[in-house]
Protein backbone atom coordinates (compact mmCIF):
# COMPACT_ATOMS: atom_id res chain seq x y z
CA MET A 1 80.52 99.35 165.44
CA ARG A 2 78.61 100.72 167.88
CA LEU A 3 75.23 101.89 168.07
CA GLU A 4 74.46 104.76 170.88
CA GLU A 5 71.71 107.20 171.32
CA VAL A 6 72.95 110.66 171.81
CA SER A 7 71.63 113.83 172.71
CA ILE A 8 72.17 117.06 170.73
CA ILE A 9 71.08 120.21 171.44
CA GLY A 10 70.28 122.21 168.60
CA ILE A 11 70.81 126.23 167.70
CA ASP A 12 67.52 127.08 169.34
CA GLY A 13 67.68 125.32 172.35
CA VAL A 14 66.06 122.56 171.17
CA THR A 15 67.34 118.66 171.93
CA THR A 16 67.35 116.57 169.69
CA THR A 17 67.95 112.68 170.19
CA LEU A 18 69.97 110.99 167.40
CA PHE A 19 71.38 107.80 166.50
CA GLU A 20 75.24 107.60 166.44
CA LYS A 21 77.62 105.18 164.66
CA ARG A 22 81.17 104.76 165.49
CA LEU A 23 84.00 102.25 165.29
CA SER A 24 85.11 100.04 168.17
CA THR A 25 88.66 100.47 169.28
CA ARG A 26 90.22 97.48 167.62
CA GLU A 27 87.60 98.98 164.12
CA ARG A 28 89.73 101.76 163.97
CA THR A 29 92.93 100.47 162.87
CA GLU A 30 91.28 98.53 160.42
CA PRO A 31 90.92 100.64 157.27
CA GLU A 32 87.99 98.19 155.72
CA ALA A 33 85.77 99.20 158.51
CA VAL A 34 86.70 102.98 158.45
CA THR A 35 85.91 102.32 154.99
CA ARG A 36 82.96 100.56 155.25
CA LEU A 37 81.54 103.53 157.91
CA ARG A 38 82.64 106.40 155.80
CA SER A 39 80.87 104.12 152.35
CA GLU A 40 77.71 104.06 154.68
CA ALA A 41 77.47 107.31 155.37
CA ASP A 42 77.55 108.54 151.56
CA LEU A 43 74.67 105.88 150.45
CA LEU A 44 72.42 107.27 153.09
CA ALA A 45 73.24 110.93 152.00
CA ARG A 46 72.21 109.70 148.60
CA LEU A 47 69.34 107.43 150.05
CA GLY A 48 67.88 110.87 151.53
CA GLY A 49 66.20 109.42 154.31
CA ARG A 50 64.32 107.53 151.11
CA VAL A 51 63.38 104.02 153.03
CA THR A 52 66.45 104.24 155.73
CA PRO A 53 66.82 106.33 158.71
CA ARG A 54 67.70 110.00 157.52
CA LEU A 55 71.24 110.57 157.94
CA VAL A 56 71.91 113.98 159.90
CA ASP A 57 75.65 114.26 160.22
CA THR A 58 79.20 112.79 159.81
CA GLY A 59 82.70 113.42 160.66
CA ASP A 60 86.16 112.29 162.20
CA ASP A 61 86.85 113.44 165.35
CA GLU A 62 90.05 111.99 167.79
CA ARG A 63 87.63 108.54 168.34
CA GLY A 64 87.81 107.93 164.77
CA PRO A 65 84.61 108.70 162.02
CA TRP A 66 81.24 108.51 163.01
CA LEU A 67 77.56 109.27 161.44
CA ARG A 68 74.29 110.46 163.11
CA THR A 69 71.02 109.05 161.73
CA GLU A 70 67.44 110.09 163.17
CA LYS A 71 65.81 107.87 165.50
CA LEU A 72 63.01 106.75 164.45
CA PRO A 73 59.89 106.30 166.29
CA PHE A 74 58.81 102.49 166.04
CA PRO A 75 60.68 99.84 166.85
CA THR A 76 62.49 96.78 164.82
CA LEU A 77 60.87 93.06 163.81
CA ALA A 78 63.20 91.90 166.53
CA HIS A 79 62.27 93.96 169.04
CA ARG A 80 58.99 92.47 168.46
CA LEU A 81 59.60 89.45 168.49
CA ASP A 82 62.17 89.42 171.66
CA ALA A 83 58.10 91.12 172.86
CA ALA A 84 56.23 88.71 171.65
CA ALA A 85 58.54 85.55 173.05
CA ALA A 86 58.16 87.52 176.10
CA ASN A 87 54.24 87.52 176.54
CA GLY A 88 54.31 83.76 175.55
CA ALA A 89 52.66 84.59 172.32
CA GLY A 90 55.82 83.59 169.88
CA SER A 91 54.70 84.67 166.32
CA LEU A 92 53.06 87.68 165.53
CA ASP A 93 50.24 88.39 164.26
CA VAL A 94 49.05 87.04 161.00
CA ALA A 95 47.24 90.29 159.47
CA TRP A 96 50.24 92.41 160.50
CA VAL A 97 52.56 90.29 159.02
CA GLU A 98 51.16 90.57 155.43
CA ARG A 99 50.53 94.38 156.10
CA ALA A 100 54.44 94.51 156.92
CA LEU A 101 55.98 92.11 154.28
CA GLN A 102 54.34 94.39 151.57
CA ALA A 103 55.92 97.42 153.31
CA ALA A 104 59.18 95.58 153.15
CA LEU A 105 58.93 94.22 149.86
CA GLY A 106 58.17 97.94 148.73
CA ALA A 107 61.01 99.09 150.60
CA LEU A 108 63.61 96.84 149.27
CA ALA A 109 61.71 97.55 146.15
CA THR A 110 62.94 101.23 146.32
CA LEU A 111 66.79 100.50 148.08
CA HIS A 112 67.05 98.13 144.62
CA ASP A 113 65.87 100.28 142.28
CA ALA A 114 67.28 103.81 143.75
CA SER A 115 69.86 105.93 141.27
CA ASP A 116 71.64 109.42 141.54
CA ALA A 117 72.59 112.16 138.30
CA HIS A 118 74.81 109.25 137.96
CA GLY A 119 73.11 106.23 137.02
CA PRO A 120 71.39 103.39 139.48
CA LEU A 121 73.35 102.77 142.72
CA SER A 122 72.74 99.01 142.15
CA ILE A 123 72.37 98.69 145.97
CA VAL A 124 72.37 94.96 147.42
CA HIS A 125 71.65 95.68 151.58
CA ALA A 126 73.52 91.85 152.10
CA ASP A 127 72.58 92.13 155.82
CA LEU A 128 68.80 92.14 156.28
CA SER A 129 67.38 90.49 159.34
CA PRO A 130 64.75 91.61 161.98
CA ALA A 131 66.50 93.28 163.72
CA ASN A 132 68.00 95.37 160.79
CA LEU A 133 64.19 96.09 159.51
CA ALA A 134 62.66 98.54 161.94
CA LEU A 135 58.16 98.55 161.50
CA ASP A 136 55.36 100.82 162.61
CA ASP A 137 52.20 99.83 164.02
CA ALA A 138 49.70 99.25 161.93
CA GLY A 139 52.98 97.69 159.61
CA THR A 140 52.09 99.83 156.95
CA ARG A 141 55.24 101.53 156.96
CA ALA A 142 59.04 99.40 156.91
CA VAL A 143 62.54 101.47 156.84
CA LEU A 144 65.79 98.94 156.21
CA LEU A 145 68.71 99.81 158.53
CA ASP A 146 72.44 99.04 158.99
CA LEU A 147 73.48 99.38 155.74
CA GLU A 148 77.31 98.74 156.79
CA LEU A 149 77.66 95.84 154.53
CA ALA A 150 75.85 96.88 151.08
CA SER A 151 76.99 96.80 148.56
CA TRP A 152 76.47 99.74 146.13
CA ARG A 153 78.05 101.77 142.77
CA GLY A 154 80.77 103.67 145.60
CA ALA A 155 80.99 100.94 148.12
CA PRO A 156 84.76 99.98 148.34
CA PRO A 157 85.47 96.38 147.99
CA LEU A 158 86.10 93.66 150.23
CA ARG A 159 89.19 92.37 150.69
CA ASP A 160 88.70 88.19 150.80
CA GLY A 161 85.27 85.94 150.46
CA ALA A 162 84.67 85.82 154.32
CA PHE A 163 81.17 85.66 155.14
CA ARG A 164 79.94 88.94 156.34
CA GLY A 165 76.49 88.77 157.61
CA THR A 166 73.22 87.03 160.21
CA LEU A 167 73.80 83.46 159.89
CA ALA A 168 69.99 82.93 160.88
CA TYR A 169 68.34 84.60 158.12
CA CYS A 170 71.12 84.87 155.44
CA ALA A 171 70.48 83.07 151.59
CA PRO A 172 72.84 79.73 151.46
CA GLU A 173 74.99 81.12 148.20
CA THR A 174 76.32 84.09 151.08
CA ALA A 175 76.72 81.38 153.22
CA ARG A 176 79.61 79.58 150.58
CA GLY A 177 81.01 83.32 150.42
CA GLU A 178 79.73 83.81 147.08
CA ALA A 179 78.82 87.64 146.45
CA PRO A 180 75.21 89.27 147.84
CA THR A 181 72.71 89.50 145.16
CA VAL A 182 68.84 90.88 144.82
CA ALA A 183 68.23 87.40 144.96
CA SER A 184 70.09 86.78 148.13
CA ASP A 185 68.16 89.62 149.65
CA LEU A 186 65.10 88.30 148.63
CA PHE A 187 65.87 84.82 150.78
CA ALA A 188 67.03 86.97 153.93
CA LEU A 189 63.71 89.53 153.97
CA ALA A 190 61.47 86.02 153.58
CA ALA A 191 63.50 84.36 156.10
CA THR A 192 63.00 87.52 158.59
CA PHE A 193 59.37 87.24 157.76
CA LEU A 194 59.52 83.28 158.61
CA HIS A 195 60.90 83.84 162.22
CA ALA A 196 57.59 86.55 162.16
CA MET A 197 54.91 84.05 161.10
CA THR A 198 56.17 81.28 163.15
CA GLY A 199 58.34 82.71 166.43
CA ALA A 200 61.54 80.68 165.62
CA ALA A 201 64.88 82.01 163.90
CA PRO A 202 64.86 80.02 160.44
CA ARG A 203 68.36 78.99 161.86
CA THR A 204 69.56 78.30 165.66
CA GLY A 205 72.66 76.99 167.38
CA SER A 206 76.44 78.19 167.09
CA SER A 207 77.75 80.20 164.91
CA PHE A 208 80.11 77.51 163.34
CA ALA A 209 76.83 75.64 162.95
CA ALA A 210 74.92 78.06 161.69
CA LEU A 211 77.02 78.46 158.92
CA LEU A 212 77.10 74.85 158.18
CA ALA A 213 73.25 75.25 158.13
CA ALA A 214 72.99 78.34 156.12
CA ALA A 215 75.95 76.62 153.16
CA ALA A 216 74.00 73.14 153.16
CA GLU A 217 72.73 71.70 150.02
CA ARG A 218 69.24 71.28 152.43
CA PRO A 219 66.75 74.04 151.37
CA LEU A 220 65.41 75.57 154.37
CA LEU A 221 62.01 74.83 152.93
CA ASP A 222 61.97 71.57 153.57
CA GLU A 223 61.65 72.28 157.16
CA HIS A 224 58.78 73.98 156.42
CA PRO A 225 57.10 71.83 154.18
CA HIS A 226 53.61 74.01 154.50
CA LEU A 227 54.32 77.03 153.06
CA ALA A 228 55.29 74.55 149.29
CA SER A 229 52.41 72.87 149.50
CA GLY A 230 48.92 73.08 148.45
CA HIS A 231 47.82 76.08 145.91
CA PRO A 232 48.97 79.56 146.67
CA THR A 233 46.02 81.14 147.02
CA GLU A 234 45.09 78.43 150.30
CA ARG A 235 48.13 79.61 151.25
CA GLY A 236 47.71 82.87 151.24
CA PRO A 237 50.05 85.59 149.10
CA ALA A 238 52.18 86.16 152.22
CA HIS A 239 53.38 82.16 152.54
CA ALA A 240 53.04 82.03 149.13
CA ALA A 241 55.82 85.36 148.59
CA ILE A 242 57.84 83.55 151.33
CA ALA A 243 57.88 79.82 149.85
CA ARG A 244 59.07 82.06 146.42
CA CYS A 245 61.86 83.25 147.61
CA LEU A 246 62.66 81.05 149.60
CA ALA A 247 63.83 78.79 146.57
CA HIS A 248 67.02 77.14 147.65
CA VAL A 249 68.92 77.67 144.20
CA PRO A 250 68.93 82.27 143.06
CA SER A 251 68.16 82.02 139.78
CA GLU A 252 64.91 80.46 141.01
CA ARG A 253 63.49 82.77 143.83
CA PRO A 254 61.79 85.74 141.81
CA ALA A 255 63.98 88.17 139.89
CA SER A 256 62.94 91.56 141.98
CA ALA A 257 61.38 92.36 145.27
CA ARG A 258 58.67 94.50 142.43
CA ASP A 259 57.72 90.83 141.02
CA VAL A 260 57.06 89.51 144.55
CA LEU A 261 54.43 91.95 145.31
CA ALA A 262 52.77 91.36 142.38
CA LEU A 263 51.89 87.91 144.23
CA PHE A 264 49.70 90.44 146.75
CA ARG A 265 47.29 91.54 143.89
């Protein structure tokens, strides 16, 4: 799918810049891709811009279905990491990362807990990564982007067990083709902030090699022993939160993002 900036002139003559998401020419012939774009628009409408960009409009035309959201006034974590790398810094400021992690956990908790008049929406983002997380300069507001792969109460079922997501950050069970869960969202968010702390993506290499690495039995924490060693109070709450969420076995991770936030208190 493609995301582009578009300028819309309102009836008052004011020009507004929005993000527009459309399918590629190939995707327009794939019923699953069409259904998932419409599902994303439906979910964004239900969330009302609480922890995601606000849905402005959606529809269909000769180029297929589309949706438009507000343009956020701050960048993604991926843009911040790229800028840090370009400046030779690599990792981001530790104090900012700790604030940003709390903000991201709060946004994820709101997403997981979201409901409507019919009950819980049962949302799992399923593709958390630096590119899908926007953060303000203070590190106190987080917005979750790209709900194309999200599973939720009204989402269409996937036709196969193929992997979908971002290999560098995904949980090992989702790399093996298992359905994404709250636990796999926590792993992906922790892997995202591991990148922010270290300045390096948790996994690199070709897509096939990364998939094998993600699905392997070797825990990601084995490559970062400093996160798992020592007492949590000595490592600091952000390190402790990341270490707990990177547990290789899903049942050994915290039960929810709100449980992880308790580590900061």
